[in-house]
Amino acid sequence: MTIASHTGDGVAAMQELDLITKLRVSPQAFIWVHAQNEKNKELHIQAAERGCWVEFDGIGSRSKQLLLLDPMNLKTQFCSAFLRLITSQ
């Protein structure tokens, strides 16, 4: 089963991850939809490190600026989080 939550807000996404983990659902079954709405990139990384999918969509002038502001740094951060996740298992 996959859970796609149209949350957007990073704090709420973390609370949802806490809840599903408490219910013994794997974070890998969780998709945080509209994550681009969260301005704190650290929450994106924390969610990825916890094992959930972090989904960015809604491409437009606002999200383009958000995602392309520093793409190499963001890409590096996500790759680093992904590598830490897969090497820890």
Protein backbone atom coordinates (compact mmCIF):
# COMPACT_ATOMS: atom_id res chain seq x y z
CA MET A 1 0.00 0.00 0.00
CA THR A 2 1.23 3.51 -0.81
CA ILE A 3 0.08 6.65 1.01
CA ALA A 4 0.27 9.86 -1.00
CA SER A 5 -0.42 12.79 1.29
CA HIS A 6 -1.09 16.17 -0.28
CA THR A 7 0.46 17.96 2.67
CA GLY A 8 2.83 20.62 1.39
CA ASP A 9 3.68 21.75 4.92
CA GLY A 10 6.88 20.19 6.27
CA VAL A 11 5.85 20.15 9.94
CA ALA A 12 2.63 18.33 9.05
CA ALA A 13 4.57 15.88 6.86
CA MET A 14 6.88 15.09 9.80
CA GLN A 15 3.83 14.54 12.03
CA GLU A 16 2.35 12.20 9.42
CA LEU A 17 5.62 10.27 9.28
CA ASP A 18 5.59 10.02 13.08
CA LEU A 19 2.04 8.67 12.99
CA ILE A 20 2.57 6.05 10.31
CA THR A 21 5.79 4.91 11.99
CA LYS A 22 3.90 4.56 15.28
CA LEU A 23 1.35 2.43 13.40
CA ARG A 24 4.21 0.26 12.08
CA VAL A 25 3.84 1.41 8.49
CA SER A 26 7.12 1.72 6.62
CA PRO A 27 8.07 5.30 5.74
CA GLN A 28 8.91 3.93 2.27
CA ALA A 29 5.14 3.65 1.72
CA PHE A 30 4.68 7.40 2.28
CA ILE A 31 4.83 10.11 -0.41
CA TRP A 32 4.96 13.72 0.76
CA VAL A 33 3.15 15.39 -2.15
CA HIS A 34 3.63 19.11 -2.93
CA ALA A 35 6.82 19.27 -0.86
CA GLN A 36 7.93 22.27 -2.91
CA ASN A 37 5.53 24.35 -0.80
CA GLU A 38 7.81 23.89 2.22
CA LYS A 39 10.52 26.58 2.23
CA ASN A 40 12.75 24.82 4.76
CA LYS A 41 14.92 22.52 2.62
CA GLU A 42 16.21 20.82 5.76
CA LEU A 43 12.75 19.28 6.27
CA HIS A 44 12.96 17.82 2.74
CA ILE A 45 16.26 16.20 3.65
CA GLN A 46 15.00 14.94 7.02
CA ALA A 47 11.99 13.33 5.34
CA ALA A 48 14.21 11.66 2.74
CA GLU A 49 16.56 10.42 5.44
CA ARG A 50 13.59 8.90 7.28
CA GLY A 51 12.86 6.90 4.14
CA CYS A 52 9.81 8.51 2.58
CA TRP A 53 9.37 9.81 -0.95
CA VAL A 54 9.59 13.61 -1.29
CA GLU A 55 7.62 14.77 -4.32
CA PHE A 56 8.04 18.17 -5.98
CA ASP A 57 5.46 19.31 -8.52
CA GLY A 58 3.44 22.35 -9.49
CA ILE A 59 6.07 23.69 -11.88
CA GLY A 60 5.53 27.38 -12.42
CA SER A 61 7.33 30.69 -11.94
CA ARG A 62 7.25 30.43 -8.11
CA SER A 63 8.35 26.79 -7.89
CA LYS A 64 10.90 27.28 -10.67
CA GLN A 65 12.61 29.95 -8.59
CA LEU A 66 12.43 27.79 -5.48
CA LEU A 67 13.84 24.66 -7.11
CA LEU A 68 16.39 26.36 -9.36
CA LEU A 69 17.68 28.83 -6.82
CA ASP A 70 20.65 26.60 -6.07
CA PRO A 71 20.06 23.32 -7.91
CA MET A 72 23.54 21.88 -7.46
CA ASN A 73 23.48 22.43 -3.70
CA LEU A 74 19.99 20.93 -3.41
CA LYS A 75 20.99 18.01 -5.66
CA THR A 76 24.11 17.42 -3.57
CA GLN A 77 22.11 17.50 -0.34
CA PHE A 78 19.55 15.00 -1.64
CA CYS A 79 22.22 12.70 -3.07
CA SER A 80 24.04 12.81 0.24
CA ALA A 81 20.84 12.01 2.17
CA PHE A 82 20.04 9.19 -0.25
CA LEU A 83 23.51 7.69 0.04
CA ARG A 84 23.36 7.85 3.85
CA LEU A 85 19.97 6.13 3.72
CA ILE A 86 20.98 3.25 1.46
CA THR A 87 24.35 2.64 3.08
CA SER A 88 22.80 2.48 6.55
CA GLN A 89 20.62 -0.52 5.65
